[in-house]
Amino acid sequence: MICTEDIFELLFIEANPIPVKWMLEQMTKINSGIRLPLISLDSQYHDAIKNEMIKLKLL
């Protein structure tokens, strides 16, 4: 059974929709680039989110 609790927590690790947009970009669902006042997802969270996406077979 796949637990999605971790991905839900990671979706809100920074202000919404920053993590969601980053995940969609990684999945090649959207192009990169965001407008102010949004900023890019802090790089310290990249590995945790990417690892969870791999566990859920999103990447």
PDB file of N, CA and C in Angstrom:
ATOM      1  N   MET A   1       0.826  -1.171   0.000  1.00  0.00           N
ATOM      2  CA  MET A   1       0.000   0.000   0.000  1.00  0.00           C
ATOM      3  C   MET A   1       0.877   1.243   0.000  1.00  0.00           C
ATOM      4  N   ILE A   2       0.549   2.194  -0.820  1.00  0.00           N
ATOM      5  CA  ILE A   2       1.314   3.428  -0.913  1.00  0.00           C
ATOM      6  C   ILE A   2       0.714   4.451   0.034  1.00  0.00           C
ATOM      7  N   CYS A   3       1.570   5.044   0.862  1.00  0.00           N
ATOM      8  CA  CYS A   3       1.120   6.077   1.796  1.00  0.00           C
ATOM      9  C   CYS A   3       1.357   7.444   1.175  1.00  0.00           C
ATOM     10  N   THR A   4       0.310   8.207   1.055  1.00  0.00           N
ATOM     11  CA  THR A   4       0.428   9.523   0.441  1.00  0.00           C
ATOM     12  C   THR A   4       0.514  10.640   1.475  1.00  0.00           C
ATOM     13  N   GLU A   5       0.531  10.290   2.738  1.00  0.00           N
ATOM     14  CA  GLU A   5       0.589  11.309   3.793  1.00  0.00           C
ATOM     15  C   GLU A   5       1.825  12.184   3.650  1.00  0.00           C
ATOM     16  N   ASP A   6       2.970  11.588   3.356  1.00  0.00           N
ATOM     17  CA  ASP A   6       4.208  12.352   3.231  1.00  0.00           C
ATOM     18  C   ASP A   6       4.140  13.368   2.094  1.00  0.00           C
ATOM     19  N   ILE A   7       3.561  12.994   0.978  1.00  0.00           N
ATOM     20  CA  ILE A   7       3.492  13.916  -0.149  1.00  0.00           C
ATOM     21  C   ILE A   7       2.575  15.090   0.194  1.00  0.00           C
ATOM     22  N   PHE A   8       1.523  14.843   0.940  1.00  0.00           N
ATOM     23  CA  PHE A   8       0.637  15.940   1.333  1.00  0.00           C
ATOM     24  C   PHE A   8       1.364  16.936   2.231  1.00  0.00           C
ATOM     25  N   GLU A   9       2.174  16.436   3.140  1.00  0.00           N
ATOM     26  CA  GLU A   9       2.957  17.329   3.988  1.00  0.00           C
ATOM     27  C   GLU A   9       3.955  18.126   3.158  1.00  0.00           C
ATOM     28  N   LEU A  10       4.588  17.476   2.191  1.00  0.00           N
ATOM     29  CA  LEU A  10       5.574  18.156   1.355  1.00  0.00           C
ATOM     30  C   LEU A  10       4.939  19.202   0.437  1.00  0.00           C
ATOM     31  N   LEU A  11       3.690  19.001   0.072  1.00  0.00           N
ATOM     32  CA  LEU A  11       3.007  19.975  -0.773  1.00  0.00           C
ATOM     33  C   LEU A  11       2.856  21.323  -0.077  1.00  0.00           C
ATOM     34  N   PHE A  12       2.924  21.315   1.238  1.00  0.00           N
ATOM     35  CA  PHE A  12       2.746  22.553   1.996  1.00  0.00           C
ATOM     36  C   PHE A  12       3.991  22.936   2.785  1.00  0.00           C
ATOM     37  N   ILE A  13       5.147  22.432   2.349  1.00  0.00           N
ATOM     38  CA  ILE A  13       6.395  22.734   3.028  1.00  0.00           C
ATOM     39  C   ILE A  13       6.794  24.199   2.843  1.00  0.00           C
ATOM     40  N   GLU A  14       6.310  24.803   1.781  1.00  0.00           N
ATOM     41  CA  GLU A  14       6.443  26.239   1.532  1.00  0.00           C
ATOM     42  C   GLU A  14       5.068  26.733   1.110  1.00  0.00           C
ATOM     43  N   ALA A  15       4.960  28.024   0.921  1.00  0.00           N
ATOM     44  CA  ALA A  15       3.660  28.604   0.568  1.00  0.00           C
ATOM     45  C   ALA A  15       3.115  27.960  -0.706  1.00  0.00           C
ATOM     46  N   ASN A  16       1.839  27.597  -0.639  1.00  0.00           N
ATOM     47  CA  ASN A  16       1.158  27.038  -1.793  1.00  0.00           C
ATOM     48  C   ASN A  16       0.997  28.153  -2.826  1.00  0.00           C
ATOM     49  N   PRO A  17       1.234  27.976  -4.089  1.00  0.00           N
ATOM     50  CA  PRO A  17       1.413  26.752  -4.855  1.00  0.00           C
ATOM     51  C   PRO A  17       2.856  26.458  -5.251  1.00  0.00           C
ATOM     52  N   ILE A  18       3.832  26.993  -4.521  1.00  0.00           N
ATOM     53  CA  ILE A  18       5.234  26.822  -4.918  1.00  0.00           C
ATOM     54  C   ILE A  18       5.617  25.347  -5.057  1.00  0.00           C
ATOM     55  N   PRO A  19       5.417  24.483  -4.047  1.00  0.00           N
ATOM     56  CA  PRO A  19       5.796  23.075  -4.203  1.00  0.00           C
ATOM     57  C   PRO A  19       5.016  22.360  -5.311  1.00  0.00           C
ATOM     58  N   VAL A  20       3.741  22.688  -5.450  1.00  0.00           N
ATOM     59  CA  VAL A  20       2.922  22.043  -6.482  1.00  0.00           C
ATOM     60  C   VAL A  20       3.454  22.394  -7.869  1.00  0.00           C
ATOM     61  N   LYS A  21       3.769  23.659  -8.091  1.00  0.00           N
ATOM     62  CA  LYS A  21       4.285  24.069  -9.393  1.00  0.00           C
ATOM     63  C   LYS A  21       5.646  23.414  -9.662  1.00  0.00           C
ATOM     64  N   TRP A  22       6.470  23.285  -8.631  1.00  0.00           N
ATOM     65  CA  TRP A  22       7.774  22.655  -8.802  1.00  0.00           C
ATOM     66  C   TRP A  22       7.602  21.182  -9.181  1.00  0.00           C
ATOM     67  N   MET A  23       6.664  20.501  -8.512  1.00  0.00           N
ATOM     68  CA  MET A  23       6.410  19.096  -8.823  1.00  0.00           C
ATOM     69  C   MET A  23       5.898  18.932 -10.251  1.00  0.00           C
ATOM     70  N   LEU A  24       4.979  19.775 -10.659  1.00  0.00           N
ATOM     71  CA  LEU A  24       4.453  19.690 -12.026  1.00  0.00           C
ATOM     72  C   LEU A  24       5.542  19.959 -13.057  1.00  0.00           C
ATOM     73  N   GLU A  25       6.450  20.857 -12.735  1.00  0.00           N
ATOM     74  CA  GLU A  25       7.579  21.117 -13.636  1.00  0.00           C
ATOM     75  C   GLU A  25       8.466  19.876 -13.745  1.00  0.00           C
ATOM     76  N   GLN A  26       8.726  19.219 -12.621  1.00  0.00           N
ATOM     77  CA  GLN A  26       9.543  18.001 -12.632  1.00  0.00           C
ATOM     78  C   GLN A  26       8.892  16.896 -13.445  1.00  0.00           C
ATOM     79  N   MET A  27       7.565  16.874 -13.456  1.00  0.00           N
ATOM     80  CA  MET A  27       6.817  15.864 -14.201  1.00  0.00           C
ATOM     81  C   MET A  27       6.623  16.278 -15.668  1.00  0.00           C
ATOM     82  N   THR A  28       7.183  17.405 -16.051  1.00  0.00           N
ATOM     83  CA  THR A  28       7.067  18.002 -17.387  1.00  0.00           C
ATOM     84  C   THR A  28       5.616  18.273 -17.786  1.00  0.00           C
ATOM     85  N   LYS A  29       4.796  18.591 -16.793  1.00  0.00           N
ATOM     86  CA  LYS A  29       3.397  18.945 -17.049  1.00  0.00           C
ATOM     87  C   LYS A  29       3.250  20.437 -17.329  1.00  0.00           C
ATOM     88  N   ILE A  30       4.186  21.243 -16.788  1.00  0.00           N
ATOM     89  CA  ILE A  30       4.188  22.687 -17.049  1.00  0.00           C
ATOM     90  C   ILE A  30       5.610  23.128 -17.340  1.00  0.00           C
ATOM     91  N   ASN A  31       5.746  24.279 -17.960  1.00  0.00           N
ATOM     92  CA  ASN A  31       7.059  24.871 -18.207  1.00  0.00           C
ATOM     93  C   ASN A  31       7.556  25.555 -16.948  1.00  0.00           C
ATOM     94  N   SER A  32       8.876  25.703 -16.863  1.00  0.00           N
ATOM     95  CA  SER A  32       9.437  26.399 -15.707  1.00  0.00           C
ATOM     96  C   SER A  32       9.150  27.889 -15.815  1.00  0.00           C
ATOM     97  N   GLY A  33       9.275  28.546 -14.719  1.00  0.00           N
ATOM     98  CA  GLY A  33       9.068  29.981 -14.687  1.00  0.00           C
ATOM     99  C   GLY A  33       7.861  30.343 -13.848  1.00  0.00           C
ATOM    100  N   ILE A  34       8.089  31.259 -12.938  1.00  0.00           N
ATOM    101  CA  ILE A  34       7.009  31.748 -12.100  1.00  0.00           C
ATOM    102  C   ILE A  34       7.105  33.264 -12.036  1.00  0.00           C
ATOM    103  N   ARG A  35       6.011  33.885 -11.697  1.00  0.00           N
ATOM    104  CA  ARG A  35       5.967  35.339 -11.601  1.00  0.00           C
ATOM    105  C   ARG A  35       5.939  35.747 -10.137  1.00  0.00           C
ATOM    106  N   LEU A  36       6.471  36.921  -9.881  1.00  0.00           N
ATOM    107  CA  LEU A  36       6.370  37.470  -8.539  1.00  0.00           C
ATOM    108  C   LEU A  36       4.904  37.658  -8.200  1.00  0.00           C
ATOM    109  N   PRO A  37       4.491  37.481  -7.014  1.00  0.00           N
ATOM    110  CA  PRO A  37       5.269  37.407  -5.785  1.00  0.00           C
ATOM    111  C   PRO A  37       5.757  36.000  -5.440  1.00  0.00           C
ATOM    112  N   LEU A  38       5.485  34.997  -6.272  1.00  0.00           N
ATOM    113  CA  LEU A  38       6.004  33.651  -6.003  1.00  0.00           C
ATOM    114  C   LEU A  38       7.504  33.622  -6.212  1.00  0.00           C
ATOM    115  N   ILE A  39       8.147  32.724  -5.515  1.00  0.00           N
ATOM    116  CA  ILE A  39       9.577  32.495  -5.689  1.00  0.00           C
ATOM    117  C   ILE A  39       9.772  31.007  -5.948  1.00  0.00           C
ATOM    118  N   SER A  40      10.964  30.634  -6.338  1.00  0.00           N
ATOM    119  CA  SER A  40      11.267  29.224  -6.595  1.00  0.00           C
ATOM    120  C   SER A  40      11.302  28.444  -5.287  1.00  0.00           C
ATOM    121  N   LEU A  41      11.025  27.162  -5.405  1.00  0.00           N
ATOM    122  CA  LEU A  41      11.101  26.272  -4.252  1.00  0.00           C
ATOM    123  C   LEU A  41      12.538  26.236  -3.750  1.00  0.00           C
ATOM    124  N   ASP A  42      12.701  26.374  -2.454  1.00  0.00           N
ATOM    125  CA  ASP A  42      14.029  26.343  -1.845  1.00  0.00           C
ATOM    126  C   ASP A  42      14.689  25.001  -2.153  1.00  0.00           C
ATOM    127  N   SER A  43      15.929  25.049  -2.586  1.00  0.00           N
ATOM    128  CA  SER A  43      16.635  23.838  -3.023  1.00  0.00           C
ATOM    129  C   SER A  43      16.804  22.810  -1.906  1.00  0.00           C
ATOM    130  N   GLN A  44      16.703  23.225  -0.655  1.00  0.00           N
ATOM    131  CA  GLN A  44      16.841  22.261   0.442  1.00  0.00           C
ATOM    132  C   GLN A  44      15.705  21.237   0.462  1.00  0.00           C
ATOM    133  N   TYR A  45      14.595  21.528  -0.227  1.00  0.00           N
ATOM    134  CA  TYR A  45      13.449  20.628  -0.255  1.00  0.00           C
ATOM    135  C   TYR A  45      13.403  19.751  -1.503  1.00  0.00           C
ATOM    136  N   HIS A  46      14.235  20.018  -2.479  1.00  0.00           N
ATOM    137  CA  HIS A  46      14.186  19.298  -3.751  1.00  0.00           C
ATOM    138  C   HIS A  46      14.318  17.788  -3.575  1.00  0.00           C
ATOM    139  N   ASP A  47      15.324  17.359  -2.841  1.00  0.00           N
ATOM    140  CA  ASP A  47      15.568  15.913  -2.700  1.00  0.00           C
ATOM    141  C   ASP A  47      14.417  15.200  -1.993  1.00  0.00           C
ATOM    142  N   ALA A  48      13.900  15.795  -0.940  1.00  0.00           N
ATOM    143  CA  ALA A  48      12.813  15.155  -0.192  1.00  0.00           C
ATOM    144  C   ALA A  48      11.581  14.991  -1.078  1.00  0.00           C
ATOM    145  N   ILE A  49      11.240  16.028  -1.815  1.00  0.00           N
ATOM    146  CA  ILE A  49      10.061  15.960  -2.670  1.00  0.00           C
ATOM    147  C   ILE A  49      10.294  15.002  -3.825  1.00  0.00           C
ATOM    148  N   LYS A  50      11.467  15.082  -4.428  1.00  0.00           N
ATOM    149  CA  LYS A  50      11.761  14.203  -5.558  1.00  0.00           C
ATOM    150  C   LYS A  50      11.745  12.738  -5.114  1.00  0.00           C
ATOM    151  N   ASN A  51      12.306  12.440  -3.957  1.00  0.00           N
ATOM    152  CA  ASN A  51      12.306  11.057  -3.452  1.00  0.00           C
ATOM    153  C   ASN A  51      10.895  10.547  -3.212  1.00  0.00           C
ATOM    154  N   GLU A  52      10.040  11.399  -2.683  1.00  0.00           N
ATOM    155  CA  GLU A  52       8.655  10.997  -2.446  1.00  0.00           C
ATOM    156  C   GLU A  52       7.921  10.789  -3.773  1.00  0.00           C
ATOM    157  N   MET A  53       8.201  11.637  -4.743  1.00  0.00           N
ATOM    158  CA  MET A  53       7.587  11.486  -6.067  1.00  0.00           C
ATOM    159  C   MET A  53       8.022  10.179  -6.720  1.00  0.00           C
ATOM    160  N   ILE A  54       9.257   9.795  -6.526  1.00  0.00           N
ATOM    161  CA  ILE A  54       9.755   8.526  -7.077  1.00  0.00           C
ATOM    162  C   ILE A  54       9.044   7.353  -6.386  1.00  0.00           C
ATOM    163  N   LYS A  55       8.897   7.431  -5.045  1.00  0.00           N
ATOM    164  CA  LYS A  55       8.186   6.366  -4.321  1.00  0.00           C
ATOM    165  C   LYS A  55       6.763   6.203  -4.821  1.00  0.00           C
ATOM    166  N   LEU A  56       6.141   7.313  -5.197  1.00  0.00           N
ATOM    167  CA  LEU A  56       4.755   7.266  -5.679  1.00  0.00           C
ATOM    168  C   LEU A  56       4.667   7.054  -7.191  1.00  0.00           C
ATOM    169  N   LYS A  57       5.818   6.835  -7.810  1.00  0.00           N
ATOM    170  CA  LYS A  57       5.899   6.595  -9.256  1.00  0.00           C
ATOM    171  C   LYS A  57       5.350   7.766 -10.076  1.00  0.00           C
ATOM    172  N   LEU A  58       5.595   8.976  -9.573  1.00  0.00           N
ATOM    173  CA  LEU A  58       5.237  10.168 -10.315  1.00  0.00           C
ATOM    174  C   LEU A  58       6.366  10.614 -11.228  1.00  0.00           C
ATOM    175  N   LEU A  59       7.551  10.084 -10.980  1.00  0.00           N
ATOM    176  CA  LEU A  59       8.731  10.354 -11.823  1.00  0.00           C
ATOM    177  C   LEU A  59       9.295   9.046 -12.329  1.00  0.00           C
TER     178      LEU A  59
END
